[in-house]
N, C-alpha and C. Protein backbone atom coordinates (compact mmCIF):
# COMPACT_ATOMS: atom_id res chain seq x y z
N MET A 1 -55.02 12.93 -95.65
CA MET A 1 -54.81 12.04 -94.70
C MET A 1 -56.08 11.49 -94.10
N GLY A 2 -56.20 10.25 -94.05
CA GLY A 2 -57.44 9.62 -93.65
C GLY A 2 -57.54 9.51 -92.13
N LEU A 3 -58.68 9.17 -91.90
CA LEU A 3 -59.23 8.92 -90.51
C LEU A 3 -58.24 7.98 -89.78
N ILE A 4 -58.03 6.96 -90.45
CA ILE A 4 -57.12 5.92 -89.90
C ILE A 4 -55.73 6.60 -89.60
N GLU A 5 -55.26 7.17 -90.58
CA GLU A 5 -53.91 7.82 -90.44
C GLU A 5 -53.89 8.75 -89.36
N ILE A 6 -54.97 9.54 -89.22
CA ILE A 6 -55.01 10.58 -88.10
C ILE A 6 -55.08 9.82 -86.80
N LEU A 7 -55.82 8.73 -86.68
CA LEU A 7 -55.90 7.88 -85.43
C LEU A 7 -54.51 7.27 -85.16
N GLN A 8 -53.91 6.78 -86.07
CA GLN A 8 -52.54 6.19 -85.88
C GLN A 8 -51.60 7.26 -85.42
N ALA A 9 -51.58 8.40 -86.05
CA ALA A 9 -50.72 9.65 -85.70
C ALA A 9 -51.00 9.97 -84.26
N MET A 10 -52.40 9.98 -83.90
CA MET A 10 -52.56 10.39 -82.55
C MET A 10 -52.27 9.35 -81.59
N GLU A 11 -52.50 8.14 -81.95
CA GLU A 11 -52.10 7.05 -81.07
C GLU A 11 -50.62 6.96 -80.91
N GLN A 12 -49.76 7.20 -82.01
CA GLN A 12 -48.39 7.33 -81.91
C GLN A 12 -47.85 8.50 -81.07
N LYS A 13 -48.54 9.57 -81.12
CA LYS A 13 -48.20 10.85 -80.48
C LYS A 13 -48.58 10.55 -78.88
N SER A 14 -49.67 10.01 -78.60
CA SER A 14 -50.06 9.64 -77.15
C SER A 14 -49.07 8.67 -76.64
N GLY A 15 -48.67 7.69 -77.44
CA GLY A 15 -47.59 6.67 -76.95
C GLY A 15 -46.31 7.46 -76.57
N TRP A 16 -45.88 8.37 -77.40
CA TRP A 16 -44.74 9.18 -77.04
C TRP A 16 -44.88 10.05 -75.78
N GLN A 17 -46.17 10.54 -75.71
CA GLN A 17 -46.55 11.32 -74.53
C GLN A 17 -46.50 10.41 -73.25
N ILE A 18 -47.06 9.25 -73.36
CA ILE A 18 -47.12 8.45 -72.24
C ILE A 18 -45.61 8.01 -71.93
N ALA A 19 -44.84 7.69 -72.88
CA ALA A 19 -43.33 7.46 -72.48
C ALA A 19 -42.69 8.48 -71.86
N ASP A 20 -42.99 9.71 -72.42
CA ASP A 20 -42.26 10.90 -71.77
C ASP A 20 -42.77 11.15 -70.40
N VAL A 21 -44.15 10.89 -70.12
CA VAL A 21 -44.65 11.03 -68.79
C VAL A 21 -44.01 9.94 -67.86
N GLU A 22 -43.95 8.61 -68.42
CA GLU A 22 -43.30 7.52 -67.65
C GLU A 22 -41.97 7.80 -67.35
N SER A 23 -41.14 8.35 -68.32
CA SER A 23 -39.84 8.63 -68.18
C SER A 23 -39.69 9.75 -66.97
N ALA A 24 -40.39 10.70 -67.23
CA ALA A 24 -40.38 11.76 -66.12
C ALA A 24 -40.75 11.39 -64.75
N ALA A 25 -41.78 10.44 -64.75
CA ALA A 25 -42.16 9.88 -63.42
C ALA A 25 -41.02 8.99 -62.84
N ASP A 26 -40.45 8.22 -63.62
CA ASP A 26 -39.17 7.43 -63.29
C ASP A 26 -38.19 8.30 -62.76
N ARG A 27 -37.86 9.36 -63.49
CA ARG A 27 -36.81 10.29 -63.01
C ARG A 27 -37.17 10.95 -61.68
N GLU A 28 -38.39 11.41 -61.67
CA GLU A 28 -38.89 12.05 -60.34
C GLU A 28 -38.92 11.05 -59.20
N SER A 29 -39.41 9.79 -59.47
CA SER A 29 -39.28 8.78 -58.43
C SER A 29 -37.94 8.48 -57.96
N ARG A 30 -37.04 8.32 -58.89
CA ARG A 30 -35.64 8.09 -58.52
C ARG A 30 -35.01 9.21 -57.73
N SER A 31 -35.37 10.36 -58.18
CA SER A 31 -34.93 11.61 -57.34
C SER A 31 -35.44 11.59 -55.93
N ILE A 32 -36.69 11.31 -55.84
CA ILE A 32 -37.38 11.28 -54.57
C ILE A 32 -36.69 10.09 -53.67
N ILE A 33 -36.50 8.98 -54.31
CA ILE A 33 -35.81 7.87 -53.54
C ILE A 33 -34.42 8.22 -53.12
N ASP A 34 -33.74 8.85 -54.05
CA ASP A 34 -32.41 9.25 -53.72
C ASP A 34 -32.29 10.19 -52.55
N ARG A 35 -33.27 11.26 -52.62
CA ARG A 35 -33.15 12.32 -51.64
C ARG A 35 -33.65 11.60 -50.24
N ALA A 36 -34.65 10.69 -50.30
CA ALA A 36 -35.10 9.93 -49.01
C ALA A 36 -33.95 9.19 -48.53
N GLU A 37 -33.12 8.46 -49.32
CA GLU A 37 -32.09 7.63 -48.85
C GLU A 37 -30.93 8.66 -48.31
N GLU A 38 -30.66 9.74 -48.87
CA GLU A 38 -29.78 10.65 -48.31
C GLU A 38 -30.26 11.33 -46.97
N GLU A 39 -31.52 11.53 -46.89
CA GLU A 39 -32.14 12.10 -45.61
C GLU A 39 -32.09 10.99 -44.58
N ALA A 40 -32.37 9.68 -44.90
CA ALA A 40 -32.37 8.58 -44.00
C ALA A 40 -30.88 8.46 -43.51
N LYS A 41 -29.89 8.49 -44.35
CA LYS A 41 -28.63 8.25 -44.06
C LYS A 41 -28.10 9.42 -43.05
N ARG A 42 -28.61 10.66 -43.36
CA ARG A 42 -28.18 11.79 -42.52
C ARG A 42 -28.86 11.80 -41.14
N ILE A 43 -30.10 11.36 -41.18
CA ILE A 43 -30.76 11.13 -39.82
C ILE A 43 -30.22 9.97 -39.02
N LYS A 44 -29.84 8.82 -39.72
CA LYS A 44 -29.12 7.76 -39.08
C LYS A 44 -27.75 8.15 -38.49
N GLU A 45 -26.93 8.83 -39.20
CA GLU A 45 -25.77 9.36 -38.62
C GLU A 45 -25.96 10.29 -37.43
N LYS A 46 -26.90 11.18 -37.64
CA LYS A 46 -27.28 12.05 -36.51
C LYS A 46 -27.55 11.32 -35.26
N TYR A 47 -28.45 10.30 -35.33
CA TYR A 47 -28.85 9.61 -34.07
C TYR A 47 -27.70 8.61 -33.58
N ARG A 48 -26.93 8.23 -34.55
CA ARG A 48 -25.74 7.41 -34.24
C ARG A 48 -24.86 8.27 -33.37
N ALA A 49 -24.50 9.44 -33.95
CA ALA A 49 -23.66 10.37 -33.23
C ALA A 49 -24.20 10.72 -31.76
N ARG A 50 -25.50 10.92 -31.80
CA ARG A 50 -26.13 11.31 -30.50
C ARG A 50 -26.13 10.04 -29.45
N ALA A 51 -26.29 8.87 -30.06
CA ALA A 51 -26.28 7.74 -29.19
C ALA A 51 -24.84 7.38 -28.74
N GLU A 52 -23.77 7.59 -29.59
CA GLU A 52 -22.47 7.45 -29.17
C GLU A 52 -22.01 8.54 -28.09
N GLU A 53 -22.53 9.67 -28.19
CA GLU A 53 -22.23 10.69 -27.32
C GLU A 53 -22.89 10.36 -25.93
N MET A 54 -24.09 9.72 -26.00
CA MET A 54 -24.78 9.39 -24.70
C MET A 54 -24.16 8.17 -24.10
N LEU A 55 -23.56 7.33 -24.85
CA LEU A 55 -22.94 6.08 -24.42
C LEU A 55 -21.48 6.37 -23.90
N ARG A 56 -20.81 7.42 -24.24
CA ARG A 56 -19.44 7.64 -23.86
C ARG A 56 -19.25 7.53 -22.28
N PRO A 57 -20.14 8.20 -21.59
CA PRO A 57 -19.89 8.10 -20.02
C PRO A 57 -20.07 6.67 -19.64
N GLU A 58 -20.95 5.98 -20.17
CA GLU A 58 -21.10 4.50 -19.74
C GLU A 58 -19.82 3.85 -20.11
N GLN A 59 -19.30 4.02 -21.32
CA GLN A 59 -18.04 3.42 -21.74
C GLN A 59 -16.91 3.67 -20.84
N ARG A 60 -16.78 5.01 -20.57
CA ARG A 60 -15.62 5.30 -19.65
C ARG A 60 -15.91 4.63 -18.18
N ARG A 61 -17.13 4.61 -17.78
CA ARG A 61 -17.49 3.95 -16.54
C ARG A 61 -17.18 2.49 -16.52
N LEU A 62 -17.53 1.88 -17.66
CA LEU A 62 -17.10 0.38 -17.69
C LEU A 62 -15.70 0.16 -17.89
N PHE A 63 -14.90 0.94 -18.60
CA PHE A 63 -13.49 0.85 -18.68
C PHE A 63 -12.88 1.18 -17.26
N GLY A 64 -13.36 2.07 -16.61
CA GLY A 64 -12.87 2.36 -15.19
C GLY A 64 -13.02 1.22 -14.24
N ALA A 65 -14.40 0.68 -14.30
CA ALA A 65 -14.64 -0.47 -13.50
C ALA A 65 -13.76 -1.67 -13.85
N ALA A 66 -13.57 -1.89 -14.94
CA ALA A 66 -12.66 -3.07 -15.51
C ALA A 66 -11.35 -2.91 -14.94
N LYS A 67 -10.80 -1.64 -15.17
CA LYS A 67 -9.43 -1.28 -14.70
C LYS A 67 -9.31 -1.46 -13.13
N LEU A 68 -10.30 -0.98 -12.51
CA LEU A 68 -10.32 -1.06 -10.98
C LEU A 68 -10.33 -2.70 -10.59
N ALA A 69 -11.14 -3.34 -11.24
CA ALA A 69 -11.32 -4.78 -10.98
C ALA A 69 -10.04 -5.46 -11.17
N GLY A 70 -9.34 -5.16 -12.27
CA GLY A 70 -8.02 -5.71 -12.49
C GLY A 70 -7.06 -5.33 -11.57
N GLN A 71 -6.98 -4.09 -11.11
CA GLN A 71 -6.08 -3.64 -9.99
C GLN A 71 -6.38 -4.41 -8.68
N GLN A 72 -7.65 -4.59 -8.52
CA GLN A 72 -8.09 -5.36 -7.13
C GLN A 72 -7.67 -6.78 -7.26
N GLN A 73 -7.76 -7.41 -8.44
CA GLN A 73 -7.33 -8.74 -8.51
C GLN A 73 -5.82 -9.03 -8.40
N LEU A 74 -5.09 -8.01 -9.03
CA LEU A 74 -3.79 -7.93 -8.88
C LEU A 74 -3.33 -7.72 -7.43
N ALA A 75 -3.99 -6.89 -6.75
CA ALA A 75 -3.73 -6.69 -5.23
C ALA A 75 -3.92 -8.04 -4.53
N VAL A 76 -5.00 -8.64 -4.81
CA VAL A 76 -5.26 -9.82 -4.05
C VAL A 76 -4.21 -10.84 -4.31
N ALA A 77 -3.84 -11.12 -5.61
CA ALA A 77 -2.76 -11.93 -6.01
C ALA A 77 -1.46 -11.63 -5.30
N ARG A 78 -1.14 -10.40 -5.31
CA ARG A 78 0.10 -9.93 -4.63
C ARG A 78 -0.03 -10.25 -3.10
N GLU A 79 -1.04 -9.96 -2.47
CA GLU A 79 -1.18 -10.35 -1.12
C GLU A 79 -1.04 -11.83 -0.86
N THR A 80 -1.67 -12.55 -1.71
CA THR A 80 -1.80 -13.99 -1.61
C THR A 80 -0.25 -14.52 -1.69
N TRP A 81 0.48 -14.09 -2.68
CA TRP A 81 1.73 -14.40 -2.88
C TRP A 81 2.74 -13.96 -1.72
N LEU A 82 2.50 -12.77 -1.14
CA LEU A 82 3.32 -12.26 -0.16
C LEU A 82 2.97 -13.24 1.21
N ASP A 83 1.75 -13.65 1.42
CA ASP A 83 1.45 -14.48 2.53
C ASP A 83 2.11 -15.85 2.28
N GLN A 84 2.12 -16.36 1.09
CA GLN A 84 2.76 -17.65 0.83
C GLN A 84 4.29 -17.41 1.05
N VAL A 85 4.91 -16.42 0.77
CA VAL A 85 6.35 -16.19 1.06
C VAL A 85 6.51 -16.23 2.58
N LEU A 86 5.74 -15.55 3.39
CA LEU A 86 5.86 -15.47 4.76
C LEU A 86 5.62 -16.88 5.28
N ALA A 87 4.67 -17.56 4.83
CA ALA A 87 4.40 -18.86 5.37
C ALA A 87 5.54 -19.77 5.13
N ARG A 88 6.06 -19.72 3.92
CA ARG A 88 7.25 -20.59 3.63
C ARG A 88 8.50 -20.06 4.56
N ALA A 89 8.59 -18.90 4.71
CA ALA A 89 9.76 -18.44 5.71
C ALA A 89 9.48 -19.01 7.19
N GLN A 90 8.31 -19.07 7.48
CA GLN A 90 7.98 -19.41 8.84
C GLN A 90 8.19 -20.94 8.88
N GLN A 91 7.74 -21.74 7.88
CA GLN A 91 8.03 -23.03 7.90
C GLN A 91 9.51 -23.46 7.86
N GLN A 92 10.34 -22.61 7.18
CA GLN A 92 11.70 -22.85 7.16
C GLN A 92 12.34 -22.65 8.52
N LEU A 93 11.75 -21.95 9.25
CA LEU A 93 12.27 -21.77 10.70
C LEU A 93 12.27 -22.93 11.45
N THR A 94 11.42 -23.91 11.11
CA THR A 94 11.26 -25.15 12.04
C THR A 94 12.55 -25.97 11.80
N THR A 95 13.26 -25.70 10.69
CA THR A 95 14.35 -26.63 10.52
C THR A 95 15.70 -25.78 10.72
N LEU A 96 15.54 -24.56 11.27
CA LEU A 96 16.69 -23.72 11.47
C LEU A 96 17.81 -24.36 12.35
N ARG A 97 17.31 -25.02 13.42
CA ARG A 97 18.37 -25.58 14.32
C ARG A 97 19.22 -26.68 13.65
N ASP A 98 18.75 -27.20 12.55
CA ASP A 98 19.49 -28.24 11.89
C ASP A 98 20.62 -27.78 10.97
N SER A 99 20.54 -26.41 10.70
CA SER A 99 21.64 -25.84 9.77
C SER A 99 22.98 -25.70 10.51
N ASP A 100 23.96 -25.57 9.60
CA ASP A 100 25.28 -25.49 10.13
C ASP A 100 25.54 -24.23 10.83
N GLY A 101 24.95 -23.07 10.51
CA GLY A 101 25.19 -21.79 10.97
C GLY A 101 24.28 -21.49 12.16
N TYR A 102 23.35 -22.36 12.69
CA TYR A 102 22.50 -22.09 13.69
C TYR A 102 23.31 -21.50 15.06
N ALA A 103 24.38 -22.30 15.50
CA ALA A 103 25.02 -21.95 16.65
C ALA A 103 25.64 -20.53 16.59
N ARG A 104 26.28 -20.23 15.39
CA ARG A 104 26.86 -18.92 15.17
C ARG A 104 25.74 -17.78 15.27
N GLY A 105 24.55 -18.08 14.52
CA GLY A 105 23.51 -17.07 14.64
C GLY A 105 22.92 -17.05 15.98
N PHE A 106 22.75 -18.12 16.69
CA PHE A 106 22.15 -18.12 18.06
C PHE A 106 23.15 -17.21 19.04
N ALA A 107 24.45 -17.34 18.83
CA ALA A 107 25.35 -16.57 19.54
C ALA A 107 25.21 -15.03 19.25
N GLN A 108 25.05 -14.74 18.03
CA GLN A 108 24.94 -13.35 17.54
C GLN A 108 23.70 -12.73 18.24
N LEU A 109 22.47 -13.56 18.14
CA LEU A 109 21.35 -13.00 18.78
C LEU A 109 21.60 -12.71 20.27
N ALA A 110 22.22 -13.68 20.89
CA ALA A 110 22.63 -13.50 22.37
C ALA A 110 23.35 -12.18 22.72
N ARG A 111 24.49 -11.96 21.90
CA ARG A 111 25.29 -10.79 22.05
C ARG A 111 24.49 -9.51 21.77
N GLU A 112 23.69 -9.58 20.84
CA GLU A 112 22.86 -8.33 20.55
C GLU A 112 21.93 -8.07 21.77
N ALA A 113 21.16 -9.08 22.31
CA ALA A 113 20.45 -8.75 23.53
C ALA A 113 20.99 -8.52 24.71
N ILE A 114 22.22 -9.23 24.96
CA ILE A 114 22.92 -8.88 26.10
C ILE A 114 23.49 -7.39 26.12
N THR A 115 23.91 -7.02 24.91
CA THR A 115 24.38 -5.56 24.83
C THR A 115 23.41 -4.58 25.24
N GLU A 116 22.07 -4.91 24.93
CA GLU A 116 21.02 -4.07 25.28
C GLU A 116 20.71 -4.07 26.82
N ILE A 117 20.95 -5.24 27.49
CA ILE A 117 20.35 -5.26 28.82
C ILE A 117 21.55 -5.22 29.79
N GLY A 118 22.69 -5.90 29.48
CA GLY A 118 23.77 -6.06 30.33
C GLY A 118 24.07 -7.39 30.63
N PRO A 119 25.23 -7.65 31.26
CA PRO A 119 25.65 -9.08 31.60
C PRO A 119 24.83 -9.74 32.55
N ALA A 120 23.99 -9.17 33.39
CA ALA A 120 23.22 -9.86 34.41
C ALA A 120 21.83 -9.89 33.91
N VAL A 121 21.39 -11.07 33.47
CA VAL A 121 20.04 -11.24 32.99
C VAL A 121 19.50 -12.64 33.19
N ASN A 122 18.09 -12.69 33.04
CA ASN A 122 17.49 -13.85 33.01
C ASN A 122 17.12 -14.30 31.59
N LEU A 123 17.46 -15.43 31.29
CA LEU A 123 17.33 -15.95 29.86
C LEU A 123 16.34 -17.03 29.69
N GLU A 124 15.24 -16.73 28.92
CA GLU A 124 14.25 -17.84 28.64
C GLU A 124 14.60 -18.36 27.18
N ILE A 125 14.91 -19.62 27.01
CA ILE A 125 15.25 -20.20 25.88
C ILE A 125 14.53 -21.61 25.62
N ALA A 126 14.53 -22.15 24.42
CA ALA A 126 14.01 -23.46 24.16
C ALA A 126 14.89 -24.39 24.74
N PRO A 127 14.31 -25.46 25.39
CA PRO A 127 15.12 -26.60 25.97
C PRO A 127 16.19 -27.05 25.17
N ARG A 128 16.09 -27.16 23.87
CA ARG A 128 17.18 -27.73 23.04
C ARG A 128 18.37 -26.73 22.93
N ASP A 129 18.27 -25.54 23.31
CA ASP A 129 19.37 -24.53 23.24
C ASP A 129 19.99 -24.44 24.57
N GLU A 130 19.61 -25.11 25.65
CA GLU A 130 20.27 -24.85 26.88
C GLU A 130 21.66 -25.08 26.90
N GLU A 131 22.26 -26.08 26.35
CA GLU A 131 23.74 -26.43 26.37
C GLU A 131 24.45 -25.37 25.67
N LEU A 132 23.92 -24.96 24.50
CA LEU A 132 24.51 -23.91 23.67
C LEU A 132 24.46 -22.64 24.39
N MET A 133 23.45 -22.25 25.13
CA MET A 133 23.37 -20.96 25.85
C MET A 133 24.33 -20.97 27.03
N ARG A 134 24.62 -22.05 27.78
CA ARG A 134 25.50 -22.15 28.79
C ARG A 134 26.94 -21.88 28.25
N GLY A 135 27.24 -22.33 27.13
CA GLY A 135 28.60 -22.12 26.58
C GLY A 135 28.78 -20.64 26.11
N ILE A 136 27.72 -20.04 25.59
CA ILE A 136 27.68 -18.60 25.18
C ILE A 136 27.84 -17.74 26.41
N MET A 137 27.10 -18.02 27.47
CA MET A 137 27.09 -17.34 28.63
C MET A 137 28.67 -17.34 29.30
N ALA A 138 29.29 -18.42 29.18
CA ALA A 138 30.64 -18.66 29.81
C ALA A 138 31.55 -17.75 28.95
N THR A 139 31.41 -17.79 27.61
CA THR A 139 32.31 -17.10 26.66
C THR A 139 32.17 -15.65 26.89
N LEU A 140 30.97 -15.14 27.08
CA LEU A 140 30.67 -13.74 27.24
C LEU A 140 30.65 -13.14 28.62
N GLY A 141 30.93 -14.19 29.47
CA GLY A 141 30.90 -13.65 30.92
C GLY A 141 29.63 -13.10 31.51
N VAL A 142 28.47 -13.85 31.04
CA VAL A 142 27.13 -13.37 31.52
C VAL A 142 26.72 -14.15 32.71
N ASP A 143 26.12 -13.41 33.59
CA ASP A 143 25.66 -14.09 34.93
C ASP A 143 24.19 -14.00 34.73
N GLY A 144 23.34 -15.13 34.98
CA GLY A 144 21.98 -15.05 35.17
C GLY A 144 21.44 -16.53 35.13
N GLU A 145 20.18 -16.50 35.20
CA GLU A 145 19.28 -17.76 35.19
C GLU A 145 18.83 -18.09 33.89
N ILE A 146 18.95 -19.40 33.55
CA ILE A 146 18.46 -19.91 32.25
C ILE A 146 17.18 -20.52 32.59
N VAL A 147 16.23 -20.29 31.96
CA VAL A 147 14.74 -20.86 32.00
C VAL A 147 14.51 -21.42 30.66
N PRO A 148 14.58 -22.91 30.57
CA PRO A 148 14.43 -23.57 29.27
C PRO A 148 12.96 -23.79 29.02
N THR A 149 12.07 -22.83 28.99
CA THR A 149 10.63 -23.09 28.76
C THR A 149 10.13 -22.30 27.51
N LEU A 150 10.96 -21.68 26.72
CA LEU A 150 10.44 -20.90 25.56
C LEU A 150 10.20 -21.84 24.39
N ASN A 151 8.98 -21.59 23.82
CA ASN A 151 8.57 -22.44 22.71
C ASN A 151 8.91 -21.50 21.42
N SER A 152 10.09 -21.85 20.84
CA SER A 152 10.56 -20.98 19.77
C SER A 152 11.35 -21.99 18.81
N CYS A 153 11.54 -21.49 17.69
CA CYS A 153 12.41 -22.19 16.61
C CYS A 153 13.89 -21.84 16.83
N GLY A 154 14.09 -20.76 17.71
CA GLY A 154 15.48 -20.40 17.90
C GLY A 154 15.49 -18.94 18.50
N GLY A 155 16.60 -18.69 19.16
CA GLY A 155 16.72 -17.42 19.79
C GLY A 155 16.41 -17.36 21.35
N MET A 156 16.18 -16.42 21.88
CA MET A 156 15.88 -16.18 23.33
C MET A 156 15.20 -14.92 23.69
N ARG A 157 14.68 -14.92 24.86
CA ARG A 157 14.06 -13.75 25.37
C ARG A 157 14.80 -13.43 26.78
N LEU A 158 15.32 -12.26 26.79
CA LEU A 158 16.24 -11.86 27.90
C LEU A 158 15.35 -10.76 28.72
N THR A 159 15.61 -10.84 29.98
CA THR A 159 14.96 -10.01 30.94
C THR A 159 15.98 -9.35 32.00
N SER A 160 15.94 -8.14 32.20
CA SER A 160 16.93 -7.67 33.18
C SER A 160 16.53 -8.25 34.51
N LEU A 161 17.43 -8.24 35.53
CA LEU A 161 17.20 -8.91 36.82
C LEU A 161 16.07 -8.23 37.52
N ASP A 162 15.83 -7.00 37.36
CA ASP A 162 14.84 -6.11 37.98
C ASP A 162 13.55 -6.42 37.32
N GLY A 163 13.50 -7.01 36.04
CA GLY A 163 12.38 -7.18 35.37
C GLY A 163 11.75 -6.01 34.49
N CYS A 164 12.47 -4.88 34.42
CA CYS A 164 12.12 -3.80 33.81
C CYS A 164 12.19 -3.70 32.32
N ILE A 165 13.40 -4.53 31.87
CA ILE A 165 13.67 -4.47 30.37
C ILE A 165 13.48 -5.90 29.94
N THR A 166 12.92 -6.18 28.86
CA THR A 166 12.77 -7.43 28.17
C THR A 166 13.14 -7.33 26.71
N VAL A 167 14.06 -7.99 26.22
CA VAL A 167 14.28 -8.14 24.89
C VAL A 167 13.88 -9.50 24.23
N ASP A 168 13.01 -9.52 23.39
CA ASP A 168 12.61 -10.61 22.70
C ASP A 168 13.38 -10.88 21.48
N ASN A 169 14.40 -11.64 21.46
CA ASN A 169 15.22 -11.85 20.32
C ASN A 169 15.12 -13.27 19.82
N THR A 170 13.97 -13.67 19.58
CA THR A 170 13.61 -15.03 18.95
C THR A 170 13.60 -14.94 17.41
N VAL A 171 13.85 -15.99 16.79
CA VAL A 171 13.71 -15.82 15.15
C VAL A 171 12.46 -15.38 14.76
N GLU A 172 11.31 -15.95 15.44
CA GLU A 172 9.96 -15.53 15.06
C GLU A 172 9.78 -14.12 15.08
N VAL A 173 10.31 -13.36 16.08
CA VAL A 173 10.01 -11.97 16.29
C VAL A 173 10.87 -11.28 15.34
N ARG A 174 12.22 -11.72 15.05
CA ARG A 174 13.01 -11.05 14.13
C ARG A 174 12.52 -11.15 12.82
N LEU A 175 11.93 -12.35 12.39
CA LEU A 175 11.25 -12.42 10.99
C LEU A 175 10.11 -11.48 10.98
N GLU A 176 9.23 -11.46 12.09
CA GLU A 176 8.09 -10.53 12.09
C GLU A 176 8.47 -9.15 11.75
N ASN A 177 9.46 -8.66 12.60
CA ASN A 177 10.06 -7.24 12.38
C ASN A 177 10.56 -7.07 11.01
N ALA A 178 11.44 -7.95 10.55
CA ALA A 178 11.90 -7.80 9.19
C ALA A 178 10.96 -7.84 8.16
N TRP A 179 9.84 -8.61 8.32
CA TRP A 179 8.89 -8.84 7.26
C TRP A 179 8.12 -7.58 6.95
N LYS A 180 7.85 -6.75 8.15
CA LYS A 180 7.20 -5.41 7.89
C LYS A 180 7.89 -4.59 6.80
N LYS A 181 9.28 -4.52 7.02
CA LYS A 181 9.91 -3.79 5.99
C LYS A 181 10.12 -4.39 4.70
N LEU A 182 10.43 -5.72 4.71
CA LEU A 182 10.61 -6.42 3.47
C LEU A 182 9.37 -6.39 2.69
N ARG A 183 8.24 -6.63 3.42
CA ARG A 183 6.92 -6.75 2.74
C ARG A 183 6.69 -5.46 1.75
N GLN A 184 6.91 -4.35 2.38
CA GLN A 184 6.83 -3.13 1.55
C GLN A 184 7.58 -3.03 0.29
N ARG A 185 8.93 -3.62 0.50
CA ARG A 185 9.86 -3.56 -0.63
C ARG A 185 9.40 -4.54 -1.70
N VAL A 186 8.94 -5.71 -1.25
CA VAL A 186 8.59 -6.74 -2.22
C VAL A 186 7.21 -6.30 -2.90
N ALA A 187 6.42 -5.66 -2.19
CA ALA A 187 5.17 -5.31 -2.84
C ALA A 187 5.42 -4.14 -3.82
N VAL A 188 6.34 -3.30 -3.71
CA VAL A 188 6.73 -2.29 -4.69
C VAL A 188 7.29 -3.06 -5.96
N LEU A 189 8.06 -4.02 -5.66
CA LEU A 189 8.68 -4.76 -6.81
C LEU A 189 7.59 -5.49 -7.70
N LEU A 190 6.62 -6.04 -6.97
CA LEU A 190 5.48 -6.73 -7.55
C LEU A 190 4.48 -5.71 -8.32
N SER A 191 4.57 -4.43 -7.99
CA SER A 191 3.61 -3.48 -8.47
C SER A 191 3.93 -3.25 -10.00
N PRO A 192 2.74 -3.12 -10.71
CA PRO A 192 3.10 -2.82 -12.21
C PRO A 192 3.42 -1.46 -12.40
N SER A 193 4.40 -1.28 -13.39
CA SER A 193 4.99 0.12 -13.63
C SER A 193 3.82 0.86 -14.38
N PRO A 194 3.76 2.23 -14.07
CA PRO A 194 2.81 3.06 -14.64
C PRO A 194 3.06 3.36 -16.13
């Protein structure tokens, strides 16, 4: 074997050795990269879990605040609606005298109040109701003075002759008293179910 052949064999052998070293280096670098990627993924998951744990109280706080804000908005809307219902009812009182049943309702209010005080009373009524009141007094056998100075959409205010007992049986007072009870029932109906 000549020198050239020995050099070629050595060159070939060194090429194989270089290829083996490069292949081993490639495998080692791929292994290092894979381990680094796995470690990075593990670290990322660890920090994500830690961040999520730290954010859970804030998330609960934000959800709670949003729920409370929604409940407050609902309460404001419910109150606004209830106020509108009352305003509408009060507005409708202004046309009460024009209804067919006003005289019958007025007579019922008078009977209720007279039952509480007795047949001797002073009656304060709206001027428009004076003739109607005189007829009711005659029918019921009530004795008393009519004072047509009441500013009301209907009804009357009765006072015992000694001034100790007063019964305010106006439609405004009746609506106000009924509204307190009705408002609670309507509010319950408007409340969301749990």
